[in-house]
Each structure stands twice: as C-alpha cells, then as structure tokens.
Protein backbone atom coordinates (compact mmCIF):
# COMPACT_ATOMS: atom_id res chain seq x y z
CA UNK A 1 19.07 16.41 17.83
CA UNK A 2 18.61 17.45 13.86
CA UNK A 3 15.73 17.94 11.83
CA UNK A 4 16.40 16.53 7.72
CA UNK A 5 13.55 18.33 5.88
CA UNK A 6 13.27 16.01 2.68
CA UNK A 7 11.43 16.75 -0.37
CA UNK A 8 10.47 13.60 -2.39
CA UNK A 9 8.50 13.90 -6.14
CA UNK A 10 6.60 10.64 -4.41
CA UNK A 11 6.78 9.24 -1.15
CA UNK A 12 5.16 5.97 0.30
CA UNK A 13 2.98 4.18 0.45
CA UNK A 14 3.68 4.96 -3.26
CA UNK A 15 6.30 2.52 -4.13
CA UNK A 16 9.45 2.60 -6.99
CA UNK A 17 12.94 2.71 -6.10
CA UNK A 18 13.03 6.37 -5.98
CA UNK A 19 10.86 6.09 -2.40
CA UNK A 20 13.03 2.33 -0.97
CA UNK A 21 15.82 4.60 -1.38
CA UNK A 22 14.28 7.61 0.83
CA UNK A 23 13.02 4.89 3.47
CA UNK A 24 15.99 3.08 4.15
CA UNK A 25 17.68 6.60 4.23
CA UNK A 26 15.11 7.73 6.54
CA UNK A 27 14.32 4.60 9.15
CA UNK A 28 18.07 4.67 9.35
CA UNK A 29 18.46 7.97 10.37
CA UNK A 30 15.35 7.63 13.50
CA UNK A 31 18.16 5.06 14.81
CA UNK A 32 20.50 7.90 15.29
CA UNK A 33 17.48 10.11 16.94
CA UNK A 34 17.33 12.70 13.70
CA UNK A 35 13.79 13.95 13.46
CA UNK A 36 12.53 13.91 9.70
CA UNK A 37 9.92 15.49 8.24
CA UNK A 38 8.44 14.86 4.09
CA UNK A 39 7.66 16.66 2.46
CA UNK A 40 5.74 14.93 -0.82
CA UNK A 41 2.76 15.20 -3.90
CA UNK A 42 -0.50 13.63 -2.75
CA UNK A 43 -0.67 11.20 -5.52
CA UNK A 44 -3.56 10.21 -5.24
CA UNK A 45 -7.57 11.13 -3.89
CA UNK A 46 -6.89 8.41 -0.44
CA UNK A 47 -3.35 9.25 0.23
CA UNK A 48 -3.67 11.06 3.52
CA UNK A 49 -2.60 15.18 3.04
CA UNK A 50 -0.88 14.43 6.70
CA UNK A 51 0.17 11.11 8.87
CA UNK A 52 2.91 10.46 11.01
CA UNK A 53 4.56 7.10 10.29
CA UNK A 54 7.22 5.50 11.93
CA UNK A 55 7.67 9.04 13.89
CA UNK A 56 7.92 10.74 10.87
CA UNK A 57 6.70 13.64 9.62
CA UNK A 58 4.47 13.43 6.33
CA UNK A 59 2.90 16.44 4.30
CA UNK A 60 1.58 15.66 1.25
CA UNK A 61 -0.37 18.26 -1.60
CA UNK A 62 -1.23 18.44 -5.26
CA UNK A 63 -1.13 15.84 -7.55
CA UNK A 64 1.61 15.92 -10.33
CA UNK A 65 5.32 17.24 -10.20
CA UNK A 66 4.54 20.05 -11.80
CA UNK A 67 1.94 21.35 -9.20
CA UNK A 68 4.14 19.83 -6.56
CA UNK A 69 7.00 22.74 -7.42
CA UNK A 70 4.98 25.35 -7.74
CA UNK A 71 1.12 25.98 -5.96
CA UNK A 72 3.16 24.67 -2.41
CA UNK A 73 5.13 27.75 -1.21
CA UNK A 74 2.69 28.58 1.32
CA UNK A 75 3.52 24.56 2.99
CA UNK A 76 7.44 25.29 2.47
CA UNK A 77 7.27 28.33 4.84
CA UNK A 78 4.70 26.70 7.09
CA UNK A 79 7.15 23.96 7.37
CA UNK A 80 9.92 26.31 8.52
CA UNK A 81 8.62 27.78 10.92
CA UNK A 82 6.74 25.45 12.80
CA UNK A 83 10.22 23.06 13.22
CA UNK A 84 14.27 24.17 13.21
CA UNK A 85 15.49 22.47 10.69
CA UNK A 86 18.91 21.64 10.30
CA UNK A 87 19.54 20.06 5.98
CA UNK A 88 17.36 20.11 3.50
CA UNK A 89 17.64 17.12 2.04
CA UNK A 90 15.95 17.16 -1.57
CA UNK A 91 16.05 14.52 -4.86
CA UNK A 92 15.79 14.92 -8.23
CA UNK A 93 13.75 15.44 -9.90
CA UNK A 94 10.23 17.14 -8.86
CA UNK A 95 12.00 18.17 -5.25
CA UNK A 96 14.99 19.20 -6.56
CA UNK A 97 13.95 23.51 -7.49
CA UNK A 98 11.91 23.59 -4.59
CA UNK A 99 14.23 22.75 -1.91
CA UNK A 100 17.25 25.39 -4.19
CA UNK A 101 14.37 28.25 -3.34
CA UNK A 102 13.54 27.54 0.34
CA UNK A 103 17.48 27.27 0.83
CA UNK A 104 17.38 31.28 -0.74
CA UNK A 105 14.44 31.73 1.78
CA UNK A 106 15.51 29.89 5.37
CA UNK A 107 18.91 30.25 4.64
CA UNK A 108 18.92 26.77 5.20
CA UNK A 109 21.71 23.90 3.48
CA UNK A 110 20.30 21.20 0.73
CA UNK A 111 21.50 18.57 -0.22
CA UNK A 112 20.40 17.11 -3.48
CA UNK A 113 20.49 13.31 -4.60
CA UNK A 114 21.45 13.10 -8.67
CA UNK A 115 19.30 9.61 -9.14
CA UNK A 116 20.27 10.08 -13.11
CA UNK A 117 21.49 12.32 -15.95
CA UNK A 118 19.01 11.17 -19.04
CA UNK A 119 20.69 14.14 -21.09
CA UNK A 120 20.62 12.45 -25.14
CA UNK A 121 19.52 9.97 -23.58
CA UNK A 122 16.31 11.42 -22.79
CA UNK A 123 14.79 11.71 -26.66
CA UNK A 124 14.83 7.06 -26.82
CA UNK A 125 11.81 7.47 -23.83
CA UNK A 126 9.98 10.76 -25.27
CA UNK A 127 8.20 12.06 -27.74
CA UNK A 128 9.93 14.92 -29.45
CA UNK A 129 7.23 18.09 -27.90
CA UNK A 130 7.54 15.89 -24.65
CA UNK A 131 11.81 15.00 -24.99
CA UNK A 132 12.08 18.97 -25.93
CA UNK A 133 10.09 19.58 -22.57
CA UNK A 134 11.83 17.18 -19.81
CA UNK A 135 15.37 17.81 -21.08
CA UNK A 136 15.13 22.40 -20.74
CA UNK A 137 13.29 20.65 -17.91
CA UNK A 138 16.57 18.66 -15.82
CA UNK A 139 18.45 21.64 -17.56
CA UNK A 140 16.69 23.47 -16.10
CA UNK A 141 16.93 21.92 -12.21
CA UNK A 142 20.58 22.20 -12.61
CA UNK A 143 20.19 26.32 -13.19
CA UNK A 144 19.38 25.88 -9.66
CA UNK A 145 21.97 25.92 -6.93
CA UNK A 146 22.57 23.47 -4.04
CA UNK A 147 25.12 22.73 -1.40
CA UNK A 148 26.17 19.40 -1.82
CA UNK A 149 25.49 17.11 -4.74
CA UNK A 150 25.07 13.43 -3.73
CA UNK A 151 24.99 10.55 -6.49
CA UNK A 152 24.39 7.37 -6.10
CA UNK A 153 26.61 6.17 -8.34
CA UNK A 154 29.90 7.10 -10.64
CA UNK A 155 28.33 6.79 -13.75
CA UNK A 156 25.42 9.82 -12.92
CA UNK A 157 28.19 11.65 -11.02
CA UNK A 158 30.73 11.27 -14.30
CA UNK A 159 27.71 12.80 -15.94
CA UNK A 160 26.80 15.38 -13.62
CA UNK A 161 29.67 17.19 -14.63
CA UNK A 162 30.70 16.82 -18.06
CA UNK A 163 26.72 17.11 -19.12
CA UNK A 164 26.45 20.26 -16.50
CA UNK A 165 29.66 21.01 -15.68
CA UNK A 166 28.79 20.38 -11.74
CA UNK A 167 32.56 21.69 -9.53
CA UNK A 168 34.18 18.17 -9.13
CA UNK A 169 34.33 19.54 -5.06
CA UNK A 170 30.70 19.06 -4.69
CA UNK A 171 29.79 16.52 -5.56
CA UNK A 172 29.94 13.14 -3.43
CA UNK A 173 29.37 9.57 -4.05
CA UNK A 174 27.49 7.49 -1.99
CA UNK A 175 26.02 3.73 -3.93
CA UNK A 176 23.07 2.62 -2.44
CA UNK A 177 22.82 0.09 -0.26
CA UNK A 178 20.85 -2.97 -0.57
CA UNK A 179 19.44 -4.41 2.49
CA UNK A 180 21.58 -7.91 3.10
CA UNK A 181 19.38 -8.78 5.63
CA UNK A 182 16.05 -9.13 3.42
CA UNK A 183 17.08 -10.28 0.28
CA UNK A 184 19.37 -13.35 1.72
CA UNK A 185 18.71 -16.09 0.21
CA UNK A 186 19.83 -17.77 3.38
CA UNK A 187 16.19 -16.60 4.64
CA UNK A 188 13.82 -18.51 2.54
CA UNK A 189 13.94 -22.02 3.03
CA UNK A 190 14.45 -25.07 0.61
CA UNK A 191 10.96 -25.80 1.79
CA UNK A 192 9.37 -22.30 0.16
CA UNK A 193 11.68 -22.61 -2.38
CA UNK A 194 10.32 -26.10 -3.70
CA UNK A 195 6.69 -25.39 -3.03
CA UNK A 196 6.97 -22.04 -4.29
CA UNK A 197 8.26 -24.33 -7.58
CA UNK A 198 5.45 -26.94 -6.95
CA UNK A 199 3.02 -23.53 -6.95
CA UNK A 200 3.75 -22.29 -9.92
CA UNK A 201 4.78 -25.53 -12.48
CA UNK A 202 8.17 -24.95 -12.25
CA UNK A 203 9.32 -28.64 -11.26
CA UNK A 204 12.40 -29.48 -13.71
CA UNK A 205 12.43 -26.53 -15.59
CA UNK A 206 14.42 -23.34 -16.72
CA UNK A 207 12.92 -20.37 -14.62
CA UNK A 208 13.85 -17.10 -16.25
CA UNK A 209 12.42 -14.36 -14.63
CA UNK A 210 11.94 -10.23 -14.85
CA UNK A 211 10.91 -8.50 -12.35
CA UNK A 212 10.36 -4.28 -12.40
CA UNK A 213 8.56 -1.44 -14.41
CA UNK A 214 7.45 -1.31 -17.05
CA UNK A 215 8.97 2.02 -18.11
CA UNK A 216 10.98 2.55 -21.55
CA UNK A 217 14.07 3.13 -19.21
CA UNK A 218 13.79 -1.03 -18.92
CA UNK A 219 13.80 -2.53 -22.08
CA UNK A 220 11.38 -4.49 -21.69
CA UNK A 221 9.92 -3.98 -25.30
CA UNK A 222 13.03 -6.08 -26.44
CA UNK A 223 12.88 -9.06 -24.13
CA UNK A 224 9.04 -9.27 -25.40
CA UNK A 225 10.34 -8.81 -28.81
CA UNK A 226 12.68 -12.06 -28.00
CA UNK A 227 10.04 -14.06 -26.87
CA UNK A 228 8.83 -15.78 -29.84
CA UNK A 229 12.50 -17.38 -30.19
CA UNK A 230 12.73 -17.72 -26.47
CA UNK A 231 9.87 -19.90 -26.27
CA UNK A 232 11.14 -21.98 -29.01
CA UNK A 233 13.94 -23.21 -25.54
CA UNK A 234 12.90 -27.01 -24.16
CA UNK A 235 12.50 -27.06 -20.66
CA UNK A 236 11.81 -22.94 -19.80
CA UNK A 237 9.62 -20.56 -18.30
CA UNK A 238 9.92 -16.85 -18.48
CA UNK A 239 7.60 -15.49 -15.60
CA UNK A 240 6.88 -11.32 -16.11
CA UNK A 241 6.35 -9.50 -12.63
CA UNK A 242 5.18 -6.29 -13.74
CA UNK A 243 4.91 -3.51 -10.65
CA UNK A 244 2.44 -0.80 -11.58
CA UNK A 245 3.52 2.43 -14.32
CA UNK A 246 2.71 4.53 -17.09
CA UNK A 247 3.08 1.80 -19.52
CA UNK A 248 2.21 -1.46 -17.49
CA UNK A 249 -1.28 -1.58 -18.79
CA UNK A 250 0.62 -1.48 -22.69
CA UNK A 251 2.78 -4.01 -21.62
CA UNK A 252 1.00 -6.37 -19.93
CA UNK A 253 -1.95 -6.47 -22.92
CA UNK A 254 1.00 -7.46 -25.55
CA UNK A 255 2.72 -10.22 -22.54
CA UNK A 256 -1.02 -11.33 -22.27
CA UNK A 257 -1.69 -11.38 -26.11
CA UNK A 258 1.17 -13.73 -26.43
CA UNK A 259 0.34 -15.81 -23.69
CA UNK A 260 -2.42 -16.64 -24.87
CA UNK A 261 -2.60 -17.30 -28.06
CA UNK A 262 0.27 -18.95 -28.30
CA UNK A 263 2.43 -19.49 -26.00
CA UNK A 264 -0.04 -19.62 -22.47
CA UNK A 265 3.08 -23.05 -21.43
CA UNK A 266 5.81 -20.84 -21.92
CA UNK A 267 5.10 -17.49 -20.62
CA UNK A 268 3.43 -16.96 -16.96
CA UNK A 269 2.88 -13.39 -16.29
CA UNK A 270 1.68 -11.66 -12.43
CA UNK A 271 1.00 -8.17 -11.76
CA UNK A 272 2.91 -7.74 -8.65
CA UNK A 273 3.71 -10.10 -5.49
CA UNK A 274 3.92 -7.98 -2.28
CA UNK A 275 8.09 -7.99 -1.13
CA UNK A 276 8.07 -11.37 0.47
CA UNK A 277 6.36 -13.35 -2.10
CA UNK A 278 8.66 -11.85 -4.72
CA UNK A 279 11.91 -12.85 -2.81
CA UNK A 280 10.11 -16.03 -2.89
CA UNK A 281 9.95 -15.77 -6.86
CA UNK A 282 13.64 -14.74 -7.33
CA UNK A 283 15.11 -17.10 -4.98
CA UNK A 284 13.16 -20.13 -7.22
CA UNK A 285 13.91 -19.07 -10.36
CA UNK A 286 16.89 -19.72 -12.18
CA UNK A 287 17.99 -16.36 -13.64
CA UNK A 288 17.14 -13.04 -13.46
CA UNK A 289 16.92 -10.71 -17.00
CA UNK A 290 16.90 -7.07 -16.70
CA UNK A 291 17.79 -5.47 -20.26
CA UNK A 292 17.86 -1.80 -18.89
CA UNK A 293 19.53 1.02 -21.85
CA UNK A 294 20.32 3.12 -18.60
CA UNK A 295 20.46 2.69 -14.61
CA UNK A 296 21.12 4.85 -12.12
CA UNK A 297 21.81 1.65 -9.21
CA UNK A 298 19.55 -1.23 -10.44
CA UNK A 299 18.20 -2.14 -7.17
CA UNK A 300 16.32 -5.01 -9.16
CA UNK A 301 20.19 -6.04 -10.45
CA UNK A 302 21.44 -5.25 -7.31
CA UNK A 303 18.96 -7.51 -5.45
CA UNK A 304 18.42 -10.26 -8.44
CA UNK A 305 22.76 -10.76 -7.73
CA UNK A 306 22.26 -10.85 -3.71
CA UNK A 307 20.30 -13.25 -4.10
CA UNK A 308 22.58 -15.46 -5.86
CA UNK A 309 21.30 -15.36 -9.01
CA UNK A 310 22.80 -15.55 -12.40
CA UNK A 311 21.92 -12.47 -14.01
CA UNK A 312 21.78 -11.16 -18.11
CA UNK A 313 21.69 -7.85 -18.12
CA UNK A 314 23.06 -4.73 -20.42
CA UNK A 315 26.26 -3.52 -19.32
CA UNK A 316 25.37 -0.21 -20.17
CA UNK A 317 24.81 3.24 -17.17
CA UNK A 318 26.22 2.14 -13.61
CA UNK A 319 25.60 -1.57 -14.12
CA UNK A 320 28.74 -3.05 -14.67
CA UNK A 321 30.11 -0.60 -11.65
CA UNK A 322 27.12 -2.37 -8.97
CA UNK A 323 26.97 -6.30 -10.34
CA UNK A 324 28.77 -9.15 -9.35
CA UNK A 325 27.87 -12.84 -9.63
CA UNK A 326 27.39 -14.01 -12.56
CA UNK A 327 26.15 -12.24 -15.11
CA UNK A 328 26.12 -12.01 -19.07
CA UNK A 329 26.28 -8.53 -20.23
CA UNK A 330 24.65 -7.83 -23.58
CA UNK A 331 23.82 -4.21 -26.24
CA UNK A 332 21.24 -1.67 -25.24
CA UNK A 333 18.75 -2.79 -26.98
CA UNK A 334 19.52 -5.79 -28.63
CA UNK A 335 16.97 -8.99 -29.39
CA UNK A 336 19.62 -11.16 -30.73
CA UNK A 337 21.61 -11.02 -27.56
CA UNK A 338 19.12 -11.04 -25.60
CA UNK A 339 18.38 -15.01 -27.87
CA UNK A 340 21.63 -15.74 -27.53
CA UNK A 341 22.64 -14.55 -23.82
CA UNK A 342 19.78 -17.65 -23.24
CA UNK A 343 21.12 -20.03 -25.30
CA UNK A 344 24.85 -19.85 -23.30
CA UNK A 345 23.54 -19.39 -19.75
CA UNK A 346 22.04 -22.44 -19.72
CA UNK A 347 24.95 -23.96 -20.95
CA UNK A 348 26.57 -21.79 -17.72
CA UNK A 349 28.07 -20.01 -20.05
CA UNK A 350 29.03 -16.03 -18.38
CA UNK A 351 30.97 -13.76 -16.66
CA UNK A 352 32.32 -14.50 -13.07
CA UNK A 353 32.74 -11.16 -12.06
CA UNK A 354 33.74 -10.72 -7.97
CA UNK A 355 31.69 -9.95 -4.95
CA UNK A 356 30.60 -5.63 -4.06
CA UNK A 357 29.14 -5.05 -0.98
CA UNK A 358 26.40 -2.47 -0.22
CA UNK A 359 25.29 -1.71 3.16
CA UNK A 360 22.84 0.49 3.80
CA UNK A 361 24.47 1.10 7.67
CA UNK A 362 27.42 2.17 5.49
CA UNK A 363 25.45 4.34 3.00
CA UNK A 364 23.56 6.28 5.43
CA UNK A 365 26.98 7.27 8.15
CA UNK A 366 28.28 8.98 4.55
CA UNK A 367 25.33 11.04 4.40
CA UNK A 368 24.76 11.90 7.46
CA UNK A 369 29.08 12.91 6.98
CA UNK A 370 27.48 15.42 4.51
CA UNK A 371 24.77 16.65 6.99
C-alpha cells in the first residue's frame, strides 16, 4: 500500500477550486487503497490542528502561506519519520517550495501540480508593490526543482515552458475532471426546477447566473459595469451567487447598491449556496455568465456546460480548451461585448462546440501513472 503526502495551501473544510480538485483526487486514491496524508495551513481558529477525514490524516499549521512555508519544517520531519512516504504531491503556490525542500531532505520524489502561470498578469490583479512581490514569489517557486510538473491544461503547460523554460519531458498535462454524476441535469427533476423558479420569482423570465468567487481573475467588475444596460433587457433577471473570498465584501457592496437603489426586481444576490442548492440554481437558470480574464481549467465554466447551460465567457487562457455546448466568447474586460452577447444569446446566437469528456476517474488513473 503506497502512501502519498499532499502539501497544499488550503484543504477542507476550506472551499475553493483547488480544494475541490484534491478532494476528488484523494477520495479516488483511497478507493484504490492508497494511504493519504495532507499537510496544509490552519486558515482559521476553528479548524483542528490534526484530524482524520475520510481516512486521510490532515495536519494543519500556521495561518497563512508564508508562515506555512517557513515555520513548519519540524512538522515536515515528524510526518516523514512517522510515515513511510512514497511520493510527495504538492500544489502551487504555497505547497511548492516546502515540497522541493522535503525532496532534498528525504530524497522522496515530488510531483508539483501547476494550476496556472500568471507571469505578467500579476500587474492586472495587484497594486505595484504587491505585483512585484507576487511575481518574484512565482519566479522563486520555479527556481526550485521538482521531478514532474502536472499541468491541468495545455495552456498552463505552454506558459510553464515559455515563461520558466521548464523541460517539456518533465511536464505532463492531465486535465481536471468534472463530477459528472453530480453536475448532471438529469439528477435535478423537472419538479425541482419548477419549484426553484417559482421560489425565486423566475417564472417566464430569462435567468442569467454568475456563480463563484469575486476575485479579480473572475473579472466580475466588468459584468457589474454592464448592469445599467443589462437591466434594461425585458423579462431578464441577473442572479449572483458569490462565495467567500478577499474581495467578496467589496463586490457585494457594489451589487447591493445597484439592487437597493434601482433594480430590486432585476438583480438577485446570494451569499453562497450549499452545493446541492447551487446545482438546482444552475439547473434552473438559462445562461451562465463567467467573464474570467484567466482560468487554469475553469470549474464554473465546465460545470455550467456539463449541465447543458449556455455559457457567455472569455476567449482566453484555458477556457476555449475546456468548454463545449452553446458558448459565446467575449473579449476580456469588455463591457460592450458583455451587453451585446447577452442580447445575442436571447436570439439564440452562439457557437456550438462539440462535447468534451473530462472524467475524474480517468484523471486519477493518469496521476496514478505519474506516481
């Protein structure tokens, strides 16, 4: 029985795209009789320093990425001493450097999952000093060495080769999977959809949904700028389901100002549905709007099209690589095109993209081959 040590910035119960990825990997590895251990940060005071979750040992230490990287060497040694680790599997960003150091300390092989390469894009997300710090940090990560680089899209692999000159032989592209059993519109019956639309006042309306966090990479700011024109469209409601992130309060403040002062009937705001309820919401809407400026795989995008929902999104980074069904591509950070394509979608104008299959079982089999 092989043992895999995962070194991750955050893990459950913290929720986000990366946590979802590794939850799916770990659960499937356990079914294959792997032992799994997670070393992660203690992101809030209520989380336990140590617990077993679904037979996975989870060690949490320190509150943020910097402390996690530089102050947890003693715990690394303890974990290595107490467990017969076969492979270390780390994730960018906070898990990368600790994993590389552990490789040198223990001679255990390291696989680094690279979700995205920001490179020059940092300046679009951060103020000048922050941009310089984050850019330096990303460069530092790839100065350290790893045995294999697992990239979650061809776009990420291309950026890794071009920006940081990583040898192509060390790179393996394995796309993330989609939980097709969960994100399946057949698992939401027509009665639930009818009741959901009635509950939120969506009868006979065109429902446009934004769901996910409010980080700058999601570029929700441009969708908000488009709202004064979008709300003029008859029989349409714009629904926002925002999960917790650093910018959540700022974005919700803008949305609520629009909602309270002018357009209570045209804008609906929710602070994050539980997963089961979110599936009903996605199943009950007509179109998902996800105007990201960069995506390493695009969980919102792929979940939306897996539910056979029309998608308005940007033609950038990995998005064209992973989406299918009825899609309308807009230019990044373009308010006018958001408005234009919303109107076009109501006229059934969109691009038909052939089906793509991203299956978690296949993904984990490929990762297992790397191990």
